[in-house]
């Protein structure tokens, strides 16, 4: 004869299924995160990644967009920096009076 499942066993199976679904969802979400381009030198960065007048450069193993002119942008606070200065996962920020790309950590 076929043994019937008890309510306790059925609830454990449902809980297990929920845990598996949540785990798989987290796994797929983390696989789809676009974290930018890793690099070792400037030539590793894709040349068409940055809008003009910016050029890709390797900084701390990440490709970032920097202005073509070497002088850079001066600032007093983050809002003084141009918003189109860099691409995700970076945002413009003021660091010791200069606009630099900062990594977005969320």
PDB file of N, CA and C in Angstrom:
ATOM      1  N   UNK A   1       0.827  -1.193   0.000  1.00  0.00           N
ATOM      2  CA  UNK A   1       0.000   0.000   0.000  1.00  0.00           C
ATOM      3  C   UNK A   1       0.870   1.256   0.000  1.00  0.00           C
ATOM      4  N   UNK A   2       0.304   2.286  -0.563  1.00  0.00           N
ATOM      5  CA  UNK A   2       1.011   3.559  -0.609  1.00  0.00           C
ATOM      6  C   UNK A   2       0.775   4.293   0.695  1.00  0.00           C
ATOM      7  N   UNK A   3       1.889   4.712   1.293  1.00  0.00           N
ATOM      8  CA  UNK A   3       1.787   5.430   2.563  1.00  0.00           C
ATOM      9  C   UNK A   3       1.488   6.904   2.273  1.00  0.00           C
ATOM     10  N   UNK A   4       0.524   7.465   2.938  1.00  0.00           N
ATOM     11  CA  UNK A   4       0.139   8.862   2.745  1.00  0.00           C
ATOM     12  C   UNK A   4       1.131   9.768   3.469  1.00  0.00           C
ATOM     13  N   UNK A   5       1.398  10.923   2.854  1.00  0.00           N
ATOM     14  CA  UNK A   5       2.279  11.883   3.494  1.00  0.00           C
ATOM     15  C   UNK A   5       1.548  12.565   4.640  1.00  0.00           C
ATOM     16  N   UNK A   6       2.265  12.800   5.706  1.00  0.00           N
ATOM     17  CA  UNK A   6       1.658  13.536   6.811  1.00  0.00           C
ATOM     18  C   UNK A   6       1.773  15.035   6.520  1.00  0.00           C
ATOM     19  N   UNK A   7       1.020  15.841   7.240  1.00  0.00           N
ATOM     20  CA  UNK A   7       1.058  17.289   7.041  1.00  0.00           C
ATOM     21  C   UNK A   7       2.439  17.849   7.351  1.00  0.00           C
ATOM     22  N   UNK A   8       3.099  17.278   8.336  1.00  0.00           N
ATOM     23  CA  UNK A   8       4.425  17.748   8.712  1.00  0.00           C
ATOM     24  C   UNK A   8       5.406  17.545   7.556  1.00  0.00           C
ATOM     25  N   UNK A   9       5.377  16.388   6.923  1.00  0.00           N
ATOM     26  CA  UNK A   9       6.270  16.125   5.798  1.00  0.00           C
ATOM     27  C   UNK A   9       5.965  17.032   4.620  1.00  0.00           C
ATOM     28  N   UNK A  10       4.690  17.299   4.388  1.00  0.00           N
ATOM     29  CA  UNK A  10       4.319  18.148   3.266  1.00  0.00           C
ATOM     30  C   UNK A  10       4.793  19.582   3.488  1.00  0.00           C
ATOM     31  N   UNK A  11       4.682  20.074   4.705  1.00  0.00           N
ATOM     32  CA  UNK A  11       5.153  21.434   4.978  1.00  0.00           C
ATOM     33  C   UNK A  11       6.674  21.522   4.840  1.00  0.00           C
ATOM     34  N   UNK A  12       7.383  20.482   5.213  1.00  0.00           N
ATOM     35  CA  UNK A  12       8.836  20.484   5.044  1.00  0.00           C
ATOM     36  C   UNK A  12       9.210  20.511   3.565  1.00  0.00           C
ATOM     37  N   UNK A  13       8.471  19.793   2.748  1.00  0.00           N
ATOM     38  CA  UNK A  13       8.741  19.789   1.305  1.00  0.00           C
ATOM     39  C   UNK A  13       8.474  21.176   0.721  1.00  0.00           C
ATOM     40  N   UNK A  14       7.403  21.810   1.127  1.00  0.00           N
ATOM     41  CA  UNK A  14       7.080  23.154   0.636  1.00  0.00           C
ATOM     42  C   UNK A  14       8.162  24.140   1.065  1.00  0.00           C
ATOM     43  N   UNK A  15       8.614  24.077   2.308  1.00  0.00           N
ATOM     44  CA  UNK A  15       9.676  24.956   2.790  1.00  0.00           C
ATOM     45  C   UNK A  15      10.952  24.749   1.981  1.00  0.00           C
ATOM     46  N   UNK A  16      11.288  23.507   1.726  1.00  0.00           N
ATOM     47  CA  UNK A  16      12.485  23.201   0.953  1.00  0.00           C
ATOM     48  C   UNK A  16      12.389  23.800  -0.448  1.00  0.00           C
ATOM     49  N   UNK A  17      11.219  23.681  -1.061  1.00  0.00           N
ATOM     50  CA  UNK A  17      11.025  24.250  -2.397  1.00  0.00           C
ATOM     51  C   UNK A  17      11.185  25.766  -2.383  1.00  0.00           C
ATOM     52  N   UNK A  18      10.656  26.442  -1.366  1.00  0.00           N
ATOM     53  CA  UNK A  18      10.820  27.883  -1.254  1.00  0.00           C
ATOM     54  C   UNK A  18      12.289  28.262  -1.116  1.00  0.00           C
ATOM     55  N   UNK A  19      13.027  27.535  -0.314  1.00  0.00           N
ATOM     56  CA  UNK A  19      14.445  27.813  -0.126  1.00  0.00           C
ATOM     57  C   UNK A  19      15.204  27.639  -1.444  1.00  0.00           C
ATOM     58  N   UNK A  20      14.905  26.596  -2.175  1.00  0.00           N
ATOM     59  CA  UNK A  20      15.565  26.356  -3.461  1.00  0.00           C
ATOM     60  C   UNK A  20      15.240  27.486  -4.442  1.00  0.00           C
ATOM     61  N   UNK A  21      13.989  27.915  -4.494  1.00  0.00           N
ATOM     62  CA  UNK A  21      13.587  28.991  -5.405  1.00  0.00           C
ATOM     63  C   UNK A  21      14.306  30.293  -5.049  1.00  0.00           C
ATOM     64  N   UNK A  22      14.370  30.628  -3.777  1.00  0.00           N
ATOM     65  CA  UNK A  22      15.051  31.854  -3.352  1.00  0.00           C
ATOM     66  C   UNK A  22      16.540  31.774  -3.675  1.00  0.00           C
ATOM     67  N   UNK A  23      17.166  30.657  -3.402  1.00  0.00           N
ATOM     68  CA  UNK A  23      18.590  30.491  -3.693  1.00  0.00           C
ATOM     69  C   UNK A  23      18.862  30.638  -5.191  1.00  0.00           C
ATOM     70  N   UNK A  24      18.077  29.987  -6.013  1.00  0.00           N
ATOM     71  CA  UNK A  24      18.276  30.083  -7.457  1.00  0.00           C
ATOM     72  C   UNK A  24      18.032  31.504  -7.954  1.00  0.00           C
ATOM     73  N   UNK A  25      17.036  32.194  -7.400  1.00  0.00           N
ATOM     74  CA  UNK A  25      16.768  33.579  -7.791  1.00  0.00           C
ATOM     75  C   UNK A  25      17.962  34.469  -7.479  1.00  0.00           C
ATOM     76  N   UNK A  26      18.519  34.326  -6.294  1.00  0.00           N
ATOM     77  CA  UNK A  26      19.690  35.124  -5.925  1.00  0.00           C
ATOM     78  C   UNK A  26      20.878  34.806  -6.822  1.00  0.00           C
ATOM     79  N   UNK A  27      21.037  33.548  -7.153  1.00  0.00           N
ATOM     80  CA  UNK A  27      22.134  33.141  -8.020  1.00  0.00           C
ATOM     81  C   UNK A  27      22.004  33.784  -9.394  1.00  0.00           C
ATOM     82  N   UNK A  28      20.806  33.766  -9.976  1.00  0.00           N
ATOM     83  CA  UNK A  28      20.611  34.344 -11.299  1.00  0.00           C
ATOM     84  C   UNK A  28      20.734  35.866 -11.271  1.00  0.00           C
ATOM     85  N   UNK A  29      20.288  36.514 -10.210  1.00  0.00           N
ATOM     86  CA  UNK A  29      20.400  37.968 -10.116  1.00  0.00           C
ATOM     87  C   UNK A  29      21.859  38.375 -10.043  1.00  0.00           C
ATOM     88  N   UNK A  30      22.661  37.696  -9.248  1.00  0.00           N
ATOM     89  CA  UNK A  30      24.064  38.062  -9.128  1.00  0.00           C
ATOM     90  C   UNK A  30      24.840  37.754 -10.399  1.00  0.00           C
ATOM     91  N   UNK A  31      24.397  36.802 -11.186  1.00  0.00           N
ATOM     92  CA  UNK A  31      25.078  36.506 -12.442  1.00  0.00           C
ATOM     93  C   UNK A  31      24.811  37.587 -13.479  1.00  0.00           C
ATOM     94  N   UNK A  32      23.694  38.323 -13.370  1.00  0.00           N
ATOM     95  CA  UNK A  32      23.323  39.305 -14.370  1.00  0.00           C
ATOM     96  C   UNK A  32      23.781  40.721 -14.036  1.00  0.00           C
ATOM     97  N   UNK A  33      24.551  40.914 -12.973  1.00  0.00           N
ATOM     98  CA  UNK A  33      25.013  42.246 -12.603  1.00  0.00           C
ATOM     99  C   UNK A  33      26.109  42.680 -13.564  1.00  0.00           C
ATOM    100  N   UNK A  34      25.940  43.864 -14.136  1.00  0.00           N
ATOM    101  CA  UNK A  34      26.959  44.412 -15.018  1.00  0.00           C
ATOM    102  C   UNK A  34      27.898  45.255 -14.176  1.00  0.00           C
ATOM    103  N   UNK A  35      29.057  44.735 -13.894  1.00  0.00           N
ATOM    104  CA  UNK A  35      29.988  45.423 -13.000  1.00  0.00           C
ATOM    105  C   UNK A  35      31.075  46.167 -13.754  1.00  0.00           C
ATOM    106  N   UNK A  36      30.947  46.372 -15.038  1.00  0.00           N
ATOM    107  CA  UNK A  36      31.969  47.076 -15.794  1.00  0.00           C
ATOM    108  C   UNK A  36      32.987  46.118 -16.379  1.00  0.00           C
ATOM    109  N   UNK A  37      34.118  46.671 -16.800  1.00  0.00           N
ATOM    110  CA  UNK A  37      35.152  45.876 -17.434  1.00  0.00           C
ATOM    111  C   UNK A  37      36.379  45.811 -16.539  1.00  0.00           C
ATOM    112  N   UNK A  38      36.895  44.622 -16.347  1.00  0.00           N
ATOM    113  CA  UNK A  38      38.152  44.431 -15.619  1.00  0.00           C
ATOM    114  C   UNK A  38      39.297  44.650 -16.586  1.00  0.00           C
ATOM    115  N   UNK A  39      40.431  45.147 -16.071  1.00  0.00           N
ATOM    116  CA  UNK A  39      41.566  45.403 -16.946  1.00  0.00           C
ATOM    117  C   UNK A  39      42.869  45.306 -16.166  1.00  0.00           C
ATOM    118  N   UNK A  40      43.941  45.172 -16.903  1.00  0.00           N
ATOM    119  CA  UNK A  40      45.288  45.218 -16.342  1.00  0.00           C
ATOM    120  C   UNK A  40      46.050  46.423 -16.880  1.00  0.00           C
ATOM    121  N   UNK A  41      45.687  46.870 -18.090  1.00  0.00           N
ATOM    122  CA  UNK A  41      46.319  48.037 -18.699  1.00  0.00           C
ATOM    123  C   UNK A  41      45.288  48.743 -19.565  1.00  0.00           C
ATOM    124  N   UNK A  42      45.622  49.948 -20.019  1.00  0.00           N
ATOM    125  CA  UNK A  42      44.673  50.765 -20.784  1.00  0.00           C
ATOM    126  C   UNK A  42      44.168  50.069 -22.039  1.00  0.00           C
ATOM    127  N   UNK A  43      44.999  49.285 -22.683  1.00  0.00           N
ATOM    128  CA  UNK A  43      44.592  48.628 -23.929  1.00  0.00           C
ATOM    129  C   UNK A  43      43.548  47.526 -23.703  1.00  0.00           C
ATOM    130  N   UNK A  44      43.340  47.094 -22.458  1.00  0.00           N
ATOM    131  CA  UNK A  44      42.321  46.084 -22.161  1.00  0.00           C
ATOM    132  C   UNK A  44      40.904  46.664 -22.197  1.00  0.00           C
ATOM    133  N   UNK A  45      40.780  47.973 -22.107  1.00  0.00           N
ATOM    134  CA  UNK A  45      39.460  48.619 -22.079  1.00  0.00           C
ATOM    135  C   UNK A  45      38.926  48.796 -23.504  1.00  0.00           C
ATOM    136  N   UNK A  46      37.622  48.525 -23.736  1.00  0.00           N
ATOM    137  CA  UNK A  46      37.052  48.713 -25.071  1.00  0.00           C
ATOM    138  C   UNK A  46      37.082  50.194 -25.464  1.00  0.00           C
ATOM    139  N   UNK A  47      37.572  50.483 -26.653  1.00  0.00           N
ATOM    140  CA  UNK A  47      37.774  51.871 -27.080  1.00  0.00           C
ATOM    141  C   UNK A  47      36.459  52.611 -27.341  1.00  0.00           C
ATOM    142  N   UNK A  48      35.388  51.901 -27.642  1.00  0.00           N
ATOM    143  CA  UNK A  48      34.098  52.563 -27.927  1.00  0.00           C
ATOM    144  C   UNK A  48      33.192  52.604 -26.701  1.00  0.00           C
ATOM    145  N   UNK A  49      33.716  52.365 -25.520  1.00  0.00           N
ATOM    146  CA  UNK A  49      32.901  52.296 -24.308  1.00  0.00           C
ATOM    147  C   UNK A  49      32.517  53.673 -23.786  1.00  0.00           C
ATOM    148  N   UNK A  50      33.388  54.663 -23.969  1.00  0.00           N
ATOM    149  CA  UNK A  50      33.156  55.995 -23.407  1.00  0.00           C
ATOM    150  C   UNK A  50      32.624  56.954 -24.469  1.00  0.00           C
ATOM    151  N   UNK A  51      31.688  57.843 -24.089  1.00  0.00           N
ATOM    152  CA  UNK A  51      31.225  58.867 -25.026  1.00  0.00           C
ATOM    153  C   UNK A  51      32.302  59.948 -25.172  1.00  0.00           C
ATOM    154  N   UNK A  52      32.290  60.646 -26.308  1.00  0.00           N
ATOM    155  CA  UNK A  52      33.230  61.752 -26.493  1.00  0.00           C
ATOM    156  C   UNK A  52      32.880  62.866 -25.528  1.00  0.00           C
ATOM    157  N   UNK A  53      33.785  63.593 -24.981  1.00  0.00           N
ATOM    158  CA  UNK A  53      35.220  63.695 -25.161  1.00  0.00           C
ATOM    159  C   UNK A  53      36.008  62.842 -24.158  1.00  0.00           C
ATOM    160  N   UNK A  54      35.506  61.700 -23.782  1.00  0.00           N
ATOM    161  CA  UNK A  54      36.174  60.862 -22.796  1.00  0.00           C
ATOM    162  C   UNK A  54      36.883  59.696 -23.473  1.00  0.00           C
ATOM    163  N   UNK A  55      37.858  59.136 -22.777  1.00  0.00           N
ATOM    164  CA  UNK A  55      38.573  57.975 -23.291  1.00  0.00           C
ATOM    165  C   UNK A  55      38.694  56.944 -22.175  1.00  0.00           C
ATOM    166  N   UNK A  56      38.675  55.661 -22.508  1.00  0.00           N
ATOM    167  CA  UNK A  56      38.765  54.630 -21.472  1.00  0.00           C
ATOM    168  C   UNK A  56      40.194  54.503 -20.942  1.00  0.00           C
ATOM    169  N   UNK A  57      40.292  54.333 -19.637  1.00  0.00           N
ATOM    170  CA  UNK A  57      41.575  54.139 -18.975  1.00  0.00           C
ATOM    171  C   UNK A  57      41.415  53.079 -17.894  1.00  0.00           C
ATOM    172  N   UNK A  58      42.474  52.358 -17.624  1.00  0.00           N
ATOM    173  CA  UNK A  58      42.469  51.336 -16.580  1.00  0.00           C
ATOM    174  C   UNK A  58      42.893  51.974 -15.261  1.00  0.00           C
ATOM    175  N   UNK A  59      42.039  51.867 -14.254  1.00  0.00           N
ATOM    176  CA  UNK A  59      42.322  52.442 -12.946  1.00  0.00           C
ATOM    177  C   UNK A  59      41.918  51.435 -11.875  1.00  0.00           C
ATOM    178  N   UNK A  60      42.883  50.973 -11.104  1.00  0.00           N
ATOM    179  CA  UNK A  60      42.640  49.988 -10.045  1.00  0.00           C
ATOM    180  C   UNK A  60      41.905  48.758 -10.573  1.00  0.00           C
ATOM    181  N   UNK A  61      42.333  48.261 -11.713  1.00  0.00           N
ATOM    182  CA  UNK A  61      41.802  47.056 -12.364  1.00  0.00           C
ATOM    183  C   UNK A  61      40.396  47.218 -12.928  1.00  0.00           C
ATOM    184  N   UNK A  62      39.905  48.452 -13.079  1.00  0.00           N
ATOM    185  CA  UNK A  62      38.592  48.714 -13.674  1.00  0.00           C
ATOM    186  C   UNK A  62      38.743  49.737 -14.781  1.00  0.00           C
ATOM    187  N   UNK A  63      38.004  49.562 -15.861  1.00  0.00           N
ATOM    188  CA  UNK A  63      37.995  50.546 -16.939  1.00  0.00           C
ATOM    189  C   UNK A  63      37.111  51.717 -16.517  1.00  0.00           C
ATOM    190  N   UNK A  64      37.646  52.915 -16.653  1.00  0.00           N
ATOM    191  CA  UNK A  64      36.897  54.124 -16.334  1.00  0.00           C
ATOM    192  C   UNK A  64      37.008  55.085 -17.510  1.00  0.00           C
ATOM    193  N   UNK A  65      36.139  56.078 -17.562  1.00  0.00           N
ATOM    194  CA  UNK A  65      36.180  57.089 -18.607  1.00  0.00           C
ATOM    195  C   UNK A  65      36.774  58.366 -18.025  1.00  0.00           C
ATOM    196  N   UNK A  66      37.787  58.901 -18.695  1.00  0.00           N
ATOM    197  CA  UNK A  66      38.414  60.140 -18.252  1.00  0.00           C
ATOM    198  C   UNK A  66      38.407  61.120 -19.419  1.00  0.00           C
ATOM    199  N   UNK A  67      38.443  62.424 -19.090  1.00  0.00           N
ATOM    200  CA  UNK A  67      38.476  63.443 -20.139  1.00  0.00           C
ATOM    201  C   UNK A  67      39.770  63.347 -20.905  1.00  0.00           C
ATOM    202  N   UNK A  68      39.717  63.673 -22.199  1.00  0.00           N
ATOM    203  CA  UNK A  68      40.914  63.598 -23.032  1.00  0.00           C
ATOM    204  C   UNK A  68      41.953  64.630 -22.631  1.00  0.00           C
ATOM    205  N   UNK A  69      41.525  65.810 -22.185  1.00  0.00           N
ATOM    206  CA  UNK A  69      42.516  66.790 -21.749  1.00  0.00           C
ATOM    207  C   UNK A  69      43.042  66.385 -20.369  1.00  0.00           C
ATOM    208  N   UNK A  70      44.265  66.657 -20.122  1.00  0.00           N
ATOM    209  CA  UNK A  70      44.926  66.177 -18.904  1.00  0.00           C
ATOM    210  C   UNK A  70      44.631  67.030 -17.679  1.00  0.00           C
ATOM    211  N   UNK A  71      44.139  68.259 -17.850  1.00  0.00           N
ATOM    212  CA  UNK A  71      43.989  69.158 -16.714  1.00  0.00           C
ATOM    213  C   UNK A  71      42.922  68.689 -15.724  1.00  0.00           C
ATOM    214  N   UNK A  72      41.857  68.064 -16.202  1.00  0.00           N
ATOM    215  CA  UNK A  72      40.812  67.573 -15.312  1.00  0.00           C
ATOM    216  C   UNK A  72      39.842  68.667 -14.893  1.00  0.00           C
ATOM    217  N   UNK A  73      38.862  68.309 -14.088  1.00  0.00           N
ATOM    218  CA  UNK A  73      37.848  69.245 -13.610  1.00  0.00           C
ATOM    219  C   UNK A  73      38.097  69.549 -12.135  1.00  0.00           C
ATOM    220  N   UNK A  74      38.039  70.815 -11.782  1.00  0.00           N
ATOM    221  CA  UNK A  74      38.167  71.225 -10.381  1.00  0.00           C
ATOM    222  C   UNK A  74      36.774  71.229  -9.746  1.00  0.00           C
ATOM    223  N   UNK A  75      36.700  70.989  -8.441  1.00  0.00           N
ATOM    224  CA  UNK A  75      35.396  70.947  -7.767  1.00  0.00           C
ATOM    225  C   UNK A  75      35.561  71.265  -6.284  1.00  0.00           C
ATOM    226  N   UNK A  76      34.436  71.600  -5.652  1.00  0.00           N
ATOM    227  CA  UNK A  76      34.381  71.773  -4.208  1.00  0.00           C
ATOM    228  C   UNK A  76      33.503  70.703  -3.565  1.00  0.00           C
ATOM    229  N   UNK A  77      32.554  70.175  -4.331  1.00  0.00           N
ATOM    230  CA  UNK A  77      31.656  69.119  -3.848  1.00  0.00           C
ATOM    231  C   UNK A  77      31.255  68.242  -5.026  1.00  0.00           C
ATOM    232  N   UNK A  78      30.622  67.111  -4.734  1.00  0.00           N
ATOM    233  CA  UNK A  78      30.266  66.144  -5.778  1.00  0.00           C
ATOM    234  C   UNK A  78      29.379  66.742  -6.865  1.00  0.00           C
ATOM    235  N   UNK A  79      28.505  67.666  -6.509  1.00  0.00           N
ATOM    236  CA  UNK A  79      27.572  68.237  -7.491  1.00  0.00           C
ATOM    237  C   UNK A  79      28.277  69.145  -8.502  1.00  0.00           C
ATOM    238  N   UNK A  80      29.523  69.557  -8.247  1.00  0.00           N
ATOM    239  CA  UNK A  80      30.266  70.383  -9.197  1.00  0.00           C
ATOM    240  C   UNK A  80      30.797  69.574 -10.379  1.00  0.00           C
ATOM    241  N   UNK A  81      30.832  68.258 -10.265  1.00  0.00           N
ATOM    242  CA  UNK A  81      31.399  67.403 -11.316  1.00  0.00           C
ATOM    243  C   UNK A  81      30.349  67.109 -12.387  1.00  0.00           C
ATOM    244  N   UNK A  82      30.757  67.073 -13.665  1.00  0.00           N
ATOM    245  CA  UNK A  82      29.792  66.773 -14.735  1.00  0.00           C
ATOM    246  C   UNK A  82      29.261  65.347 -14.620  1.00  0.00           C
ATOM    247  N   UNK A  83      27.955  65.177 -14.791  1.00  0.00           N
ATOM    248  CA  UNK A  83      27.321  63.871 -14.626  1.00  0.00           C
ATOM    249  C   UNK A  83      27.691  62.888 -15.726  1.00  0.00           C
ATOM    250  N   UNK A  84      28.077  63.393 -16.904  1.00  0.00           N
ATOM    251  CA  UNK A  84      28.431  62.501 -18.011  1.00  0.00           C
ATOM    252  C   UNK A  84      29.926  62.174 -18.019  1.00  0.00           C
ATOM    253  N   UNK A  85      30.592  62.397 -16.904  1.00  0.00           N
ATOM    254  CA  UNK A  85      32.028  62.181 -16.810  1.00  0.00           C
ATOM    255  C   UNK A  85      32.402  60.700 -16.854  1.00  0.00           C
ATOM    256  N   UNK A  86      31.539  59.830 -16.363  1.00  0.00           N
ATOM    257  CA  UNK A  86      31.881  58.409 -16.313  1.00  0.00           C
ATOM    258  C   UNK A  86      30.626  57.560 -16.503  1.00  0.00           C
ATOM    259  N   UNK A  87      30.855  56.282 -16.747  1.00  0.00           N
ATOM    260  CA  UNK A  87      29.773  55.331 -16.988  1.00  0.00           C
ATOM    261  C   UNK A  87      29.665  54.378 -15.807  1.00  0.00           C
ATOM    262  N   UNK A  88      28.480  53.753 -15.618  1.00  0.00           N
ATOM    263  CA  UNK A  88      28.335  52.766 -14.542  1.00  0.00           C
ATOM    264  C   UNK A  88      29.357  51.658 -14.694  1.00  0.00           C
ATOM    265  N   UNK A  89      29.901  51.130 -13.651  1.00  0.00           N
ATOM    266  CA  UNK A  89      29.501  51.220 -12.247  1.00  0.00           C
ATOM    267  C   UNK A  89      30.140  52.386 -11.508  1.00  0.00           C
ATOM    268  N   UNK A  90      30.513  53.467 -12.191  1.00  0.00           N
ATOM    269  CA  UNK A  90      31.130  54.613 -11.555  1.00  0.00           C
ATOM    270  C   UNK A  90      30.214  55.813 -11.603  1.00  0.00           C
ATOM    271  N   UNK A  91      30.421  56.734 -10.664  1.00  0.00           N
ATOM    272  CA  UNK A  91      29.706  58.003 -10.636  1.00  0.00           C
ATOM    273  C   UNK A  91      30.739  59.094 -10.381  1.00  0.00           C
ATOM    274  N   UNK A  92      30.486  60.331 -10.831  1.00  0.00           N
ATOM    275  CA  UNK A  92      31.462  61.398 -10.591  1.00  0.00           C
ATOM    276  C   UNK A  92      31.449  61.826  -9.132  1.00  0.00           C
ATOM    277  N   UNK A  93      32.628  62.087  -8.611  1.00  0.00           N
ATOM    278  CA  UNK A  93      32.748  62.526  -7.228  1.00  0.00           C
ATOM    279  C   UNK A  93      33.918  63.483  -7.077  1.00  0.00           C
ATOM    280  N   UNK A  94      33.872  64.336  -6.055  1.00  0.00           N
ATOM    281  CA  UNK A  94      34.924  65.313  -5.792  1.00  0.00           C
ATOM    282  C   UNK A  94      35.895  64.717  -4.775  1.00  0.00           C
ATOM    283  N   UNK A  95      37.171  64.672  -5.148  1.00  0.00           N
ATOM    284  CA  UNK A  95      38.192  64.090  -4.281  1.00  0.00           C
ATOM    285  C   UNK A  95      39.377  65.041  -4.237  1.00  0.00           C
ATOM    286  N   UNK A  96      39.570  65.692  -3.093  1.00  0.00           N
ATOM    287  CA  UNK A  96      40.647  66.664  -2.907  1.00  0.00           C
ATOM    288  C   UNK A  96      40.660  67.733  -3.998  1.00  0.00           C
ATOM    289  N   UNK A  97      39.466  68.221  -4.357  1.00  0.00           N
ATOM    290  CA  UNK A  97      39.362  69.311  -5.311  1.00  0.00           C
ATOM    291  C   UNK A  97      39.346  68.916  -6.774  1.00  0.00           C
ATOM    292  N   UNK A  98      39.368  67.618  -7.074  1.00  0.00           N
ATOM    293  CA  UNK A  98      39.355  67.146  -8.462  1.00  0.00           C
ATOM    294  C   UNK A  98      38.183  66.201  -8.671  1.00  0.00           C
ATOM    295  N   UNK A  99      37.552  66.285  -9.848  1.00  0.00           N
ATOM    296  CA  UNK A  99      36.476  65.367 -10.201  1.00  0.00           C
ATOM    297  C   UNK A  99      37.092  64.039 -10.634  1.00  0.00           C
ATOM    298  N   UNK A 100      36.690  62.982  -9.958  1.00  0.00           N
ATOM    299  CA  UNK A 100      37.204  61.644 -10.263  1.00  0.00           C
ATOM    300  C   UNK A 100      36.039  60.665 -10.282  1.00  0.00           C
ATOM    301  N   UNK A 101      36.167  59.537 -11.003  1.00  0.00           N
ATOM    302  CA  UNK A 101      35.132  58.509 -10.963  1.00  0.00           C
ATOM    303  C   UNK A 101      35.201  57.731  -9.650  1.00  0.00           C
ATOM    304  N   UNK A 102      34.058  57.525  -9.027  1.00  0.00           N
ATOM    305  CA  UNK A 102      33.970  56.721  -7.812  1.00  0.00           C
ATOM    306  C   UNK A 102      33.138  55.491  -8.094  1.00  0.00           C
ATOM    307  N   UNK A 103      33.541  54.358  -7.552  1.00  0.00           N
ATOM    308  CA  UNK A 103      32.819  53.107  -7.738  1.00  0.00           C
ATOM    309  C   UNK A 103      31.533  53.144  -6.917  1.00  0.00           C
ATOM    310  N   UNK A 104      30.405  52.799  -7.547  1.00  0.00           N
ATOM    311  CA  UNK A 104      29.116  52.760  -6.853  1.00  0.00           C
ATOM    312  C   UNK A 104      29.008  51.428  -6.124  1.00  0.00           C
ATOM    313  N   UNK A 105      28.912  51.493  -4.798  1.00  0.00           N
ATOM    314  CA  UNK A 105      28.761  50.289  -3.970  1.00  0.00           C
ATOM    315  C   UNK A 105      27.380  50.294  -3.375  1.00  0.00           C
ATOM    316  N   UNK A 106      26.532  49.410  -3.839  1.00  0.00           N
ATOM    317  CA  UNK A 106      25.151  49.344  -3.333  1.00  0.00           C
ATOM    318  C   UNK A 106      24.868  47.993  -2.764  1.00  0.00           C
TER     319      UNK A 106
END
